[in-house]
N, C-alpha and C. Protein backbone atom coordinates (compact mmCIF):
# COMPACT_ATOMS: atom_id res chain seq x y z
N MET A 1 10.68 -59.39 -77.34
CA MET A 1 9.72 -60.45 -77.21
C MET A 1 8.67 -60.14 -76.14
N LEU A 2 9.14 -59.59 -75.04
CA LEU A 2 8.17 -59.27 -73.98
C LEU A 2 7.23 -58.16 -74.41
N MET A 3 7.76 -57.18 -75.15
CA MET A 3 6.89 -56.09 -75.62
C MET A 3 5.86 -56.62 -76.60
N LEU A 4 6.27 -57.53 -77.48
CA LEU A 4 5.32 -58.11 -78.44
C LEU A 4 4.21 -58.84 -77.70
N GLY A 5 4.58 -59.62 -76.68
CA GLY A 5 3.58 -60.34 -75.90
C GLY A 5 2.62 -59.41 -75.19
N ALA A 6 3.16 -58.35 -74.59
CA ALA A 6 2.30 -57.40 -73.86
C ALA A 6 1.37 -56.66 -74.82
N ILE A 7 1.90 -56.22 -75.94
CA ILE A 7 1.08 -55.49 -76.91
C ILE A 7 0.00 -56.40 -77.49
N ALA A 8 0.37 -57.63 -77.82
CA ALA A 8 -0.60 -58.57 -78.38
C ALA A 8 -1.70 -58.89 -77.36
N ALA A 9 -1.33 -59.05 -76.10
CA ALA A 9 -2.34 -59.34 -75.07
C ALA A 9 -3.30 -58.17 -74.92
N MET A 10 -2.77 -56.95 -74.88
CA MET A 10 -3.64 -55.78 -74.75
C MET A 10 -4.56 -55.64 -75.97
N TYR A 11 -4.02 -55.91 -77.16
CA TYR A 11 -4.83 -55.82 -78.37
C TYR A 11 -5.96 -56.86 -78.34
N GLY A 12 -5.61 -58.08 -77.92
CA GLY A 12 -6.63 -59.13 -77.85
C GLY A 12 -7.75 -58.80 -76.88
N ILE A 13 -7.39 -58.26 -75.73
CA ILE A 13 -8.41 -57.87 -74.74
C ILE A 13 -9.29 -56.75 -75.28
N ALA A 14 -8.67 -55.76 -75.91
CA ALA A 14 -9.44 -54.64 -76.48
C ALA A 14 -10.34 -55.14 -77.61
N GLU A 15 -9.83 -56.06 -78.40
CA GLU A 15 -10.60 -56.61 -79.51
C GLU A 15 -11.84 -57.34 -78.99
N LEU A 16 -11.69 -58.14 -77.96
CA LEU A 16 -12.83 -58.84 -77.38
C LEU A 16 -13.81 -57.87 -76.72
N ALA A 17 -13.29 -56.82 -76.10
CA ALA A 17 -14.16 -55.85 -75.43
C ALA A 17 -15.01 -55.10 -76.44
N VAL A 18 -14.45 -54.80 -77.60
CA VAL A 18 -15.18 -54.02 -78.61
C VAL A 18 -16.10 -54.90 -79.44
N ALA A 19 -15.56 -56.02 -79.96
CA ALA A 19 -16.33 -56.83 -80.91
C ALA A 19 -17.05 -58.01 -80.25
N GLY A 20 -16.68 -58.35 -79.03
CA GLY A 20 -17.37 -59.43 -78.33
C GLY A 20 -17.13 -60.79 -78.98
N GLY A 21 -18.19 -61.55 -79.10
CA GLY A 21 -18.11 -62.92 -79.61
C GLY A 21 -17.68 -63.01 -81.06
N GLN A 22 -17.85 -61.95 -81.82
CA GLN A 22 -17.46 -61.98 -83.22
C GLN A 22 -15.94 -62.00 -83.40
N ALA A 23 -15.21 -61.65 -82.37
CA ALA A 23 -13.76 -61.55 -82.48
C ALA A 23 -13.03 -62.71 -81.82
N VAL A 24 -13.73 -63.80 -81.55
CA VAL A 24 -13.12 -64.91 -80.82
C VAL A 24 -11.96 -65.51 -81.60
N VAL A 25 -12.12 -65.74 -82.88
CA VAL A 25 -11.06 -66.36 -83.68
C VAL A 25 -9.84 -65.44 -83.77
N ALA A 26 -10.07 -64.18 -84.05
CA ALA A 26 -8.96 -63.24 -84.14
C ALA A 26 -8.26 -63.07 -82.79
N ALA A 27 -9.04 -63.00 -81.72
CA ALA A 27 -8.45 -62.86 -80.39
C ALA A 27 -7.67 -64.11 -79.99
N SER A 28 -8.13 -65.27 -80.42
CA SER A 28 -7.39 -66.51 -80.16
C SER A 28 -6.04 -66.50 -80.85
N PHE A 29 -6.01 -66.02 -82.08
CA PHE A 29 -4.74 -65.93 -82.81
C PHE A 29 -3.80 -64.94 -82.12
N VAL A 30 -4.31 -63.79 -81.76
CA VAL A 30 -3.50 -62.78 -81.09
C VAL A 30 -3.02 -63.31 -79.73
N GLY A 31 -3.88 -64.04 -79.03
CA GLY A 31 -3.48 -64.65 -77.77
C GLY A 31 -2.38 -65.67 -77.96
N GLY A 32 -2.44 -66.42 -79.05
CA GLY A 32 -1.38 -67.37 -79.37
C GLY A 32 -0.05 -66.69 -79.62
N VAL A 33 -0.10 -65.55 -80.29
CA VAL A 33 1.12 -64.76 -80.51
C VAL A 33 1.69 -64.29 -79.18
N ALA A 34 0.83 -63.84 -78.29
CA ALA A 34 1.28 -63.36 -76.98
C ALA A 34 1.92 -64.49 -76.18
N VAL A 35 1.29 -65.65 -76.17
CA VAL A 35 1.84 -66.79 -75.43
C VAL A 35 3.15 -67.26 -76.06
N GLY A 36 3.19 -67.32 -77.37
CA GLY A 36 4.40 -67.74 -78.06
C GLY A 36 5.58 -66.82 -77.81
N SER A 37 5.33 -65.53 -77.80
CA SER A 37 6.43 -64.60 -77.56
C SER A 37 6.89 -64.67 -76.11
N GLY A 38 5.97 -64.93 -75.21
CA GLY A 38 6.36 -65.10 -73.81
C GLY A 38 7.21 -66.35 -73.62
N LEU A 39 6.84 -67.43 -74.27
CA LEU A 39 7.63 -68.67 -74.19
C LEU A 39 9.02 -68.48 -74.80
N ARG A 40 9.08 -67.76 -75.91
CA ARG A 40 10.38 -67.51 -76.54
C ARG A 40 11.27 -66.65 -75.64
N ALA A 41 10.68 -65.66 -74.99
CA ALA A 41 11.46 -64.82 -74.07
C ALA A 41 12.01 -65.66 -72.92
N ALA A 42 11.20 -66.59 -72.40
CA ALA A 42 11.67 -67.48 -71.34
C ALA A 42 12.79 -68.38 -71.83
N GLU A 43 12.69 -68.84 -73.07
CA GLU A 43 13.74 -69.68 -73.65
C GLU A 43 15.05 -68.91 -73.80
N ILE A 44 14.97 -67.66 -74.20
CA ILE A 44 16.17 -66.82 -74.33
C ILE A 44 16.82 -66.60 -72.97
N VAL A 45 16.01 -66.34 -71.94
CA VAL A 45 16.55 -66.14 -70.60
C VAL A 45 17.24 -67.42 -70.12
N ARG A 46 16.63 -68.56 -70.37
CA ARG A 46 17.23 -69.83 -69.97
C ARG A 46 18.56 -70.06 -70.67
N ALA A 47 18.65 -69.77 -71.96
CA ALA A 47 19.89 -69.94 -72.70
C ALA A 47 20.98 -68.99 -72.19
N LEU A 48 20.60 -67.76 -71.88
CA LEU A 48 21.58 -66.81 -71.35
C LEU A 48 22.10 -67.24 -69.98
N ARG A 49 21.22 -67.77 -69.15
CA ARG A 49 21.67 -68.27 -67.83
C ARG A 49 22.63 -69.43 -68.00
N LEU A 50 22.37 -70.30 -68.97
CA LEU A 50 23.28 -71.42 -69.23
C LEU A 50 24.64 -70.90 -69.70
N LEU A 51 24.64 -69.90 -70.56
CA LEU A 51 25.91 -69.33 -71.02
C LEU A 51 26.71 -68.72 -69.87
N ILE A 52 26.01 -68.11 -68.92
CA ILE A 52 26.69 -67.53 -67.77
C ILE A 52 27.32 -68.63 -66.91
N ARG A 53 26.65 -69.77 -66.80
CA ARG A 53 27.14 -70.85 -65.94
C ARG A 53 28.19 -71.72 -66.59
N LEU A 54 28.43 -71.63 -67.87
CA LEU A 54 29.39 -72.51 -68.55
C LEU A 54 30.78 -72.51 -67.92
N PRO A 55 31.38 -71.36 -67.62
CA PRO A 55 32.70 -71.39 -66.99
C PRO A 55 32.69 -72.06 -65.61
N GLU A 56 31.59 -71.96 -64.89
CA GLU A 56 31.50 -72.57 -63.57
C GLU A 56 31.54 -74.08 -63.63
N ILE A 57 31.00 -74.66 -64.70
CA ILE A 57 30.98 -76.12 -64.82
C ILE A 57 32.15 -76.64 -65.66
N GLY A 58 33.07 -75.76 -66.03
CA GLY A 58 34.29 -76.17 -66.69
C GLY A 58 34.24 -76.24 -68.21
N ILE A 59 33.30 -75.58 -68.81
CA ILE A 59 33.20 -75.58 -70.27
C ILE A 59 33.50 -74.17 -70.76
N SER A 60 34.41 -74.08 -71.73
CA SER A 60 34.75 -72.78 -72.28
C SER A 60 33.74 -72.39 -73.35
N PRO A 61 33.14 -71.20 -73.26
CA PRO A 61 32.18 -70.79 -74.28
C PRO A 61 32.84 -70.39 -75.60
N HIS A 62 34.18 -70.29 -75.61
CA HIS A 62 34.89 -69.91 -76.81
C HIS A 62 35.35 -71.13 -77.58
N HIS A 63 35.13 -71.13 -78.86
CA HIS A 63 35.56 -72.25 -79.70
C HIS A 63 37.05 -72.11 -79.98
N GLU A 64 37.82 -73.12 -79.62
CA GLU A 64 39.27 -73.06 -79.83
C GLU A 64 39.71 -74.14 -80.79
N GLY A 65 39.02 -74.25 -81.89
CA GLY A 65 39.34 -75.27 -82.88
C GLY A 65 40.47 -74.82 -83.79
N PRO A 66 40.84 -75.65 -84.76
CA PRO A 66 41.91 -75.29 -85.69
C PRO A 66 41.52 -74.10 -86.57
N THR A 67 42.47 -73.27 -86.83
CA THR A 67 42.20 -72.10 -87.67
C THR A 67 42.87 -72.25 -89.01
């Protein structure tokens, strides 16, 4: 996710540098992809931190239901 965001951001900057004002719509889309992938990466990190803390707060991460 972080690589996608970095690559998309670099592509958007290069696109604006080369095409200027004609590339505003395309660069906006690419920028949205970069922001979205960054937000998703942050969400994954947050979920992983929660999984690490589960045993500390007394919740077992393993499902022990009927088999």
